[in-house]
């Protein structure tokens, strides 16, 4: 059970850092190429939406587990 919790925590950290790096990458690319700025702006927005959904799912899982355990 302890290994499973460690793996879940590692996935959460991976999702958080990946989302931050992806948004930073998109912002840098928007600054470098103005012609493709709209595309990278949409990609950054999609990354933020993914992060919000992932965090929401994680929090709902924690609430359900704390309720039933």
C-alpha atoms as a PDB file:
ATOM      1  CA  UNK A   1       0.000   0.000   0.000  1.00  0.00           C
ATOM      2  CA  UNK A   2       2.893   2.317   0.766  1.00  0.00           C
ATOM      3  CA  UNK A   3       4.407   1.743  -2.683  1.00  0.00           C
ATOM      4  CA  UNK A   4       1.071   2.571  -4.312  1.00  0.00           C
ATOM      5  CA  UNK A   5       0.848   5.861  -2.407  1.00  0.00           C
ATOM      6  CA  UNK A   6       4.406   6.755  -3.401  1.00  0.00           C
ATOM      7  CA  UNK A   7       3.622   6.053  -7.052  1.00  0.00           C
ATOM      8  CA  UNK A   8       0.475   8.186  -6.889  1.00  0.00           C
ATOM      9  CA  UNK A   9       2.422  11.039  -5.315  1.00  0.00           C
ATOM     10  CA  UNK A  10       5.073  10.712  -8.021  1.00  0.00           C
ATOM     11  CA  UNK A  11       2.406  10.943 -10.735  1.00  0.00           C
ATOM     12  CA  UNK A  12       0.963  14.083  -9.173  1.00  0.00           C
ATOM     13  CA  UNK A  13       4.391  15.705  -9.035  1.00  0.00           C
ATOM     14  CA  UNK A  14       5.024  14.651 -12.636  1.00  0.00           C
ATOM     15  CA  UNK A  15       1.718  16.151 -13.797  1.00  0.00           C
ATOM     16  CA  UNK A  16       2.380  19.421 -11.986  1.00  0.00           C
ATOM     17  CA  UNK A  17       5.918  19.889 -13.243  1.00  0.00           C
ATOM     18  CA  UNK A  18       5.003  18.773 -16.753  1.00  0.00           C
ATOM     19  CA  UNK A  19       2.165  21.272 -16.954  1.00  0.00           C
ATOM     20  CA  UNK A  20       4.374  24.106 -15.705  1.00  0.00           C
ATOM     21  CA  UNK A  21       7.147  23.285 -18.181  1.00  0.00           C
ATOM     22  CA  UNK A  22       4.647  22.979 -21.047  1.00  0.00           C
ATOM     23  CA  UNK A  23       3.117  26.394 -20.313  1.00  0.00           C
ATOM     24  CA  UNK A  24       6.561  27.992 -20.032  1.00  0.00           C
ATOM     25  CA  UNK A  25       7.605  26.358 -23.315  1.00  0.00           C
ATOM     26  CA  UNK A  26       4.484  27.660 -25.055  1.00  0.00           C
ATOM     27  CA  UNK A  27       5.063  31.168 -23.700  1.00  0.00           C
ATOM     28  CA  UNK A  28       8.666  31.152 -24.908  1.00  0.00           C
ATOM     29  CA  UNK A  29       7.633  29.929 -28.345  1.00  0.00           C
ATOM     30  CA  UNK A  30       4.925  32.615 -28.531  1.00  0.00           C
ATOM     31  CA  UNK A  31       7.570  35.255 -27.912  1.00  0.00           C
ATOM     32  CA  UNK A  32       9.907  33.830 -30.538  1.00  0.00           C
ATOM     33  CA  UNK A  33       7.447  33.388 -33.402  1.00  0.00           C
ATOM     34  CA  UNK A  34       4.584  35.864 -33.694  1.00  0.00           C
ATOM     35  CA  UNK A  35       3.073  34.055 -36.681  1.00  0.00           C
ATOM     36  CA  UNK A  36       2.365  30.938 -34.630  1.00  0.00           C
ATOM     37  CA  UNK A  37       1.479  32.773 -31.410  1.00  0.00           C
ATOM     38  CA  UNK A  38      -2.215  31.892 -31.639  1.00  0.00           C
ATOM     39  CA  UNK A  39      -1.420  28.189 -31.893  1.00  0.00           C
ATOM     40  CA  UNK A  40       0.878  28.243 -28.855  1.00  0.00           C
ATOM     41  CA  UNK A  41      -1.618  30.342 -26.903  1.00  0.00           C
ATOM     42  CA  UNK A  42      -4.257  27.670 -27.532  1.00  0.00           C
ATOM     43  CA  UNK A  43      -1.812  24.928 -26.516  1.00  0.00           C
ATOM     44  CA  UNK A  44      -0.988  26.763 -23.287  1.00  0.00           C
ATOM     45  CA  UNK A  45      -4.682  27.195 -22.531  1.00  0.00           C
ATOM     46  CA  UNK A  46      -5.300  23.488 -23.167  1.00  0.00           C
ATOM     47  CA  UNK A  47      -2.453  22.624 -20.815  1.00  0.00           C
ATOM     48  CA  UNK A  48      -3.969  24.762 -18.070  1.00  0.00           C
ATOM     49  CA  UNK A  49      -7.368  23.112 -18.614  1.00  0.00           C
ATOM     50  CA  UNK A  50      -5.718  19.676 -18.402  1.00  0.00           C
ATOM     51  CA  UNK A  51      -3.991  20.657 -15.165  1.00  0.00           C
ATOM     52  CA  UNK A  52      -7.215  21.907 -13.573  1.00  0.00           C
ATOM     53  CA  UNK A  53      -9.064  18.728 -14.536  1.00  0.00           C
ATOM     54  CA  UNK A  54      -6.226  16.508 -13.289  1.00  0.00           C
ATOM     55  CA  UNK A  55      -6.079  18.320  -9.937  1.00  0.00           C
ATOM     56  CA  UNK A  56      -9.858  18.158  -9.596  1.00  0.00           C
ATOM     57  CA  UNK A  57      -9.872  14.419 -10.189  1.00  0.00           C
ATOM     58  CA  UNK A  58      -7.068  13.977  -7.681  1.00  0.00           C
ATOM     59  CA  UNK A  59      -8.931  15.965  -5.010  1.00  0.00           C
ATOM     60  CA  UNK A  60     -12.197  14.089  -5.623  1.00  0.00           C
ATOM     61  CA  UNK A  61     -10.327  10.791  -5.247  1.00  0.00           C
ATOM     62  CA  UNK A  62      -8.851  11.954  -1.940  1.00  0.00           C
ATOM     63  CA  UNK A  63     -12.277  13.040  -0.674  1.00  0.00           C
ATOM     64  CA  UNK A  64     -13.864   9.713  -1.592  1.00  0.00           C
ATOM     65  CA  UNK A  65     -11.055   7.718   0.016  1.00  0.00           C
ATOM     66  CA  UNK A  66     -11.149   9.785   3.201  1.00  0.00           C
ATOM     67  CA  UNK A  67     -14.929   9.371   3.403  1.00  0.00           C
ATOM     68  CA  UNK A  68     -14.950   5.601   3.029  1.00  0.00           C
ATOM     69  CA  UNK A  69     -11.772   4.745   4.950  1.00  0.00           C
END
